[in-house]
Protein backbone atom coordinates (compact mmCIF):
# COMPACT_ATOMS: atom_id res chain seq x y z
CA MET A 1 -60.06 -21.67 -11.26
CA ILE A 2 -63.19 -20.12 -9.32
CA VAL A 3 -62.54 -17.81 -6.69
CA GLU A 4 -65.50 -17.51 -4.66
CA GLU A 5 -66.92 -14.06 -3.23
CA PRO A 6 -66.98 -13.69 0.64
CA SER A 7 -70.24 -13.43 1.64
CA TRP A 8 -72.03 -10.44 2.60
CA SER A 9 -72.36 -11.46 6.19
CA ALA A 10 -68.68 -12.22 6.26
CA THR A 11 -67.91 -8.52 4.62
CA ARG A 12 -70.46 -7.03 6.84
CA GLY A 13 -68.20 -8.29 10.04
CA ALA A 14 -65.17 -7.27 8.60
CA GLY A 15 -66.47 -4.15 8.29
CA THR A 16 -68.12 -4.39 11.97
CA LYS A 17 -64.48 -5.41 13.29
CA ALA A 18 -62.58 -1.98 11.27
CA ARG A 19 -65.33 0.39 12.57
CA ILE A 20 -64.31 -0.78 16.27
CA LEU A 21 -60.66 -1.07 15.93
CA ASN A 22 -60.94 2.79 14.43
CA ALA A 23 -62.72 4.20 17.58
CA ALA A 24 -61.12 1.89 19.66
CA GLU A 25 -58.05 3.63 18.35
CA HIS A 26 -59.36 7.09 18.69
CA LEU A 27 -60.78 6.56 22.14
CA PHE A 28 -57.71 4.98 23.18
CA THR A 29 -55.19 8.11 22.15
CA ALA A 30 -57.64 10.56 23.40
CA ARG A 31 -58.19 9.09 27.24
CA GLY A 32 -56.12 6.09 27.78
CA PHE A 33 -56.86 2.50 28.67
CA ALA A 34 -58.90 3.44 31.54
CA GLY A 35 -60.85 6.32 29.97
CA VAL A 36 -62.19 3.50 27.04
CA THR A 37 -65.38 1.41 27.32
CA MET A 38 -66.94 -1.03 25.27
CA ARG A 39 -69.88 1.17 25.19
CA GLU A 40 -68.33 4.13 23.91
CA VAL A 41 -66.43 2.55 21.60
CA ALA A 42 -69.74 0.62 19.85
CA ARG A 43 -71.36 3.93 20.01
CA ARG A 44 -68.54 5.68 18.02
CA ALA A 45 -68.59 2.57 15.61
CA ALA A 46 -72.10 2.74 14.82
CA THR A 47 -72.80 -0.98 16.70
CA ASN A 48 -73.91 -2.72 19.94
CA VAL A 49 -71.80 -3.66 22.65
CA ALA A 50 -72.31 -7.24 22.00
CA SER A 51 -70.75 -6.78 18.81
CA ALA A 52 -68.09 -5.40 20.54
CA HIS A 53 -67.34 -8.45 22.78
CA TYR A 54 -68.14 -11.10 20.11
CA HIS A 55 -65.24 -9.45 17.73
CA PHE A 56 -62.82 -9.32 20.87
CA GLY A 57 -64.39 -10.57 23.73
CA SER A 58 -63.45 -7.66 26.44
CA LYS A 59 -62.08 -4.54 26.51
CA GLU A 60 -58.24 -5.68 27.36
CA GLY A 61 -58.54 -8.03 24.94
CA LEU A 62 -59.70 -5.01 21.95
CA ILE A 63 -56.71 -2.43 22.70
CA ILE A 64 -54.25 -5.28 22.40
CA GLU A 65 -55.48 -6.32 19.19
CA MET A 66 -56.25 -2.36 17.89
CA LEU A 67 -52.10 -1.89 19.19
CA ARG A 68 -51.69 -5.37 17.34
CA HIS A 69 -52.95 -3.68 13.82
CA ARG A 70 -50.62 -0.67 14.01
CA ILE A 71 -47.48 -2.36 15.43
CA ALA A 72 -47.75 -5.61 13.57
CA PRO A 73 -46.55 -4.17 9.94
CA ILE A 74 -44.05 -1.90 11.85
CA ASN A 75 -42.25 -5.41 13.07
CA ALA A 76 -42.75 -6.99 10.47
CA GLU A 77 -40.66 -4.11 8.07
CA ARG A 78 -38.38 -4.24 11.07
CA LEU A 79 -37.20 -7.85 10.40
CA ARG A 80 -37.42 -7.56 6.44
CA LEU A 81 -34.70 -5.12 6.80
CA LEU A 82 -32.95 -7.17 9.21
CA ASP A 83 -33.07 -9.89 7.45
CA GLU A 84 -31.55 -8.24 4.38
CA ALA A 85 -28.76 -6.24 6.15
CA LYS A 86 -27.71 -9.84 7.27
CA ARG A 87 -27.39 -10.98 3.58
CA GLN A 88 -25.81 -8.27 2.80
CA SER A 89 -23.30 -8.77 5.45
CA GLY A 90 -22.52 -12.48 4.53
CA GLY A 91 -22.56 -13.52 7.74
CA ASN A 92 -20.41 -11.15 9.56
CA PRO A 93 -21.63 -9.17 12.63
CA LEU A 94 -23.75 -6.25 11.68
CA LYS A 95 -22.58 -2.84 12.28
CA PRO A 96 -24.57 -0.92 15.03
CA ILE A 97 -26.13 1.34 12.71
CA MET A 98 -27.35 -1.29 10.29
CA ILE A 99 -29.29 -2.86 13.28
CA PHE A 100 -30.67 0.78 14.35
CA LYS A 101 -31.99 1.50 10.89
CA ALA A 102 -34.20 -1.74 10.82
CA LEU A 103 -35.39 -1.03 14.44
CA LEU A 104 -35.81 2.89 14.08
CA LEU A 105 -36.61 3.64 10.19
CA PRO A 106 -40.04 1.18 9.93
CA ILE A 107 -41.75 3.10 12.72
CA GLY A 108 -40.56 6.51 11.40
CA GLN A 109 -42.60 5.50 8.54
CA ALA A 110 -45.88 4.81 10.02
CA ALA A 111 -45.52 7.47 11.98
CA THR A 112 -45.56 10.14 8.58
CA GLY A 113 -48.77 10.67 7.20
CA SER A 114 -49.45 12.14 3.37
CA LYS A 115 -49.02 15.63 4.70
CA GLY A 116 -46.50 15.36 7.33
CA PRO A 117 -46.81 13.83 10.81
CA ASP A 118 -49.49 11.62 11.67
CA SER A 119 -50.91 12.71 14.93
CA ARG A 120 -53.02 10.10 15.81
CA PHE A 121 -50.03 8.09 15.59
CA MET A 122 -47.76 10.27 17.86
CA GLN A 123 -50.42 10.54 20.61
CA LEU A 124 -50.49 6.49 20.28
CA VAL A 125 -46.98 6.53 20.70
CA GLY A 126 -47.30 8.98 23.63
CA ARG A 127 -49.42 6.72 25.29
CA SER A 128 -46.40 4.73 26.31
CA PHE A 129 -45.20 7.10 28.74
CA THR A 130 -48.87 7.26 30.47
CA GLU A 131 -50.82 4.07 30.46
CA PRO A 132 -50.32 1.66 33.85
CA ALA A 133 -46.73 -0.19 34.22
CA SER A 134 -49.16 -3.90 34.43
CA PHE A 135 -50.62 -3.08 30.78
CA LEU A 136 -47.56 -2.16 29.28
CA GLU A 137 -45.85 -5.19 30.07
CA LYS A 138 -48.78 -7.33 28.58
CA VAL A 139 -48.41 -5.27 25.74
CA HIS A 140 -44.17 -6.03 25.56
CA ARG A 141 -44.99 -9.80 26.07
CA ARG A 142 -47.41 -9.98 23.52
CA LEU A 143 -46.40 -7.58 20.37
CA PHE A 144 -42.32 -7.00 21.61
CA ARG A 145 -40.61 -9.62 23.16
CA GLU A 146 -40.11 -11.88 19.84
CA LEU A 147 -38.61 -8.59 18.45
CA SER A 148 -36.87 -7.65 21.31
CA ASP A 149 -34.89 -11.45 21.03
CA ILE A 150 -34.06 -11.25 17.46
CA PHE A 151 -32.65 -7.96 17.53
CA MET A 152 -30.44 -9.03 21.03
CA VAL A 153 -28.85 -12.04 19.07
CA GLU A 154 -27.96 -9.42 16.38
CA LEU A 155 -26.76 -6.82 19.46
CA ARG A 156 -24.51 -9.78 21.14
CA ARG A 157 -22.75 -10.01 17.73
CA SER A 158 -22.02 -6.88 16.73
CA HIS A 159 -20.62 -6.53 20.24
CA PRO A 160 -19.19 -9.88 21.35
CA GLU A 161 -17.10 -7.95 24.73
CA ALA A 162 -20.27 -6.63 26.15
CA GLN A 163 -21.94 -7.81 29.28
CA GLU A 164 -25.58 -8.98 28.92
CA GLU A 165 -26.63 -6.08 31.53
CA ASP A 166 -25.30 -3.29 29.58
CA LEU A 167 -26.56 -3.96 26.22
CA PHE A 168 -29.96 -4.73 27.72
CA TRP A 169 -29.66 -1.15 29.40
CA ASN A 170 -28.77 0.28 26.29
CA LEU A 171 -31.27 -1.24 24.02
CA HIS A 172 -33.52 0.73 26.80
CA PHE A 173 -32.00 3.77 25.98
CA VAL A 174 -32.11 3.41 22.35
CA VAL A 175 -36.02 2.39 22.63
CA ALA A 176 -36.90 5.44 25.20
CA THR A 177 -35.35 8.38 22.78
CA MET A 178 -37.20 6.96 20.15
CA LEU A 179 -40.79 7.02 21.81
CA GLY A 180 -39.64 10.43 23.43
CA ALA A 181 -38.38 12.03 20.19
CA LEU A 182 -41.97 10.61 18.25
CA ALA A 183 -44.13 11.61 21.65
CA ASN A 184 -42.61 15.13 21.86
CA HIS A 185 -41.59 16.11 18.19
CA ARG A 186 -43.86 19.28 18.45
CA ARG A 187 -41.68 20.56 21.42
CA LEU A 188 -38.78 20.52 18.59
CA ALA A 189 -39.63 23.42 16.46
CA PRO A 190 -39.95 25.87 19.99
CA PHE A 191 -36.77 24.59 21.65
CA SER A 192 -35.13 24.89 18.64
CA GLY A 193 -36.12 28.87 17.93
CA GLY A 194 -37.34 27.33 14.40
CA LEU A 195 -33.88 26.01 13.64
CA CYS A 196 -35.61 22.26 13.52
CA LYS A 197 -38.38 21.88 11.67
CA ASP A 198 -40.62 19.26 13.60
CA LYS A 199 -42.49 18.40 10.57
CA ASP A 200 -39.58 16.11 8.82
CA VAL A 201 -39.86 12.89 10.58
CA ALA A 202 -37.50 11.13 7.61
CA GLU A 203 -34.69 13.64 9.01
CA MET A 204 -35.17 13.26 12.83
CA ILE A 205 -35.41 9.22 12.16
CA GLN A 206 -32.20 9.47 10.31
CA ARG A 207 -30.59 11.40 12.86
CA LEU A 208 -31.81 9.25 15.62
CA ILE A 209 -30.46 6.09 13.75
CA VAL A 210 -27.08 8.03 13.61
CA PHE A 211 -27.37 9.36 17.54
CA ALA A 212 -28.50 5.72 18.62
CA ALA A 213 -25.76 3.67 16.90
CA GLY A 214 -23.08 5.99 18.32
CA GLY A 215 -24.33 6.39 21.51
CA PHE A 216 -24.83 2.46 21.65
CA ALA A 217 -21.63 1.69 20.91
CA THR A 218 -19.64 4.61 22.68
CA SER A 219 -21.61 3.70 25.94
CA ILE A 220 -20.39 -0.46 25.72
CA GLU A 221 -16.60 1.00 25.04
CA ASN A 222 -16.82 3.16 27.86
CA ILE A 223 -18.12 0.93 30.07
CA LYS A 224 -15.33 -1.98 29.22
CA THR A 225 -12.76 0.57 29.47
CA LYS A 226 -13.92 1.43 33.00
CA SER A 227 -13.95 -1.76 34.54
CA ASN A 228 -10.29 -2.79 32.98
């Protein structure tokens, strides 16, 4: 079988696209959506504005593709872990801790660099608290809606007695806690007087999984008790 080598122009185009995405990520984490311009992205990527528009169409298209580039592998790993847990459960409802392990472990892995926390990724997560709601809604629809629906199916099965509204509230609290823990990880050491190590992302995520599963289930049980 003969495999054709990619053309020089295709290879060059892929390299240009990667540089543009990297430049966009750098500027977005530092300045947010409003602070990014296609001209500055092109300058940092050592290309021209026409090339940036050719590959991504618009600033919004570029930023969403940059986020997709970062988030898609995390979401794929989330779904893989969830499918693995479902196979191991033999068709029974998943325990909450298995659901939240699938949801939270991959983002912890993505947030860990070779020498500790990936500071740029942490900054990227922090942008979830500062960007305009209209932009974040678009990001959710394009990058997280399907994932949310899939995890909600498993949460309904694990808590069949829960009201739909309560499940959504509690999932919202888990996601907000996840984002806050990652974005503010540097506050942990001074907050604890050095007792807790902010560079140990793996331990933080493991603790977060236990916290999320316990808090989610306890909240559902308390709501059910009050309603009876």
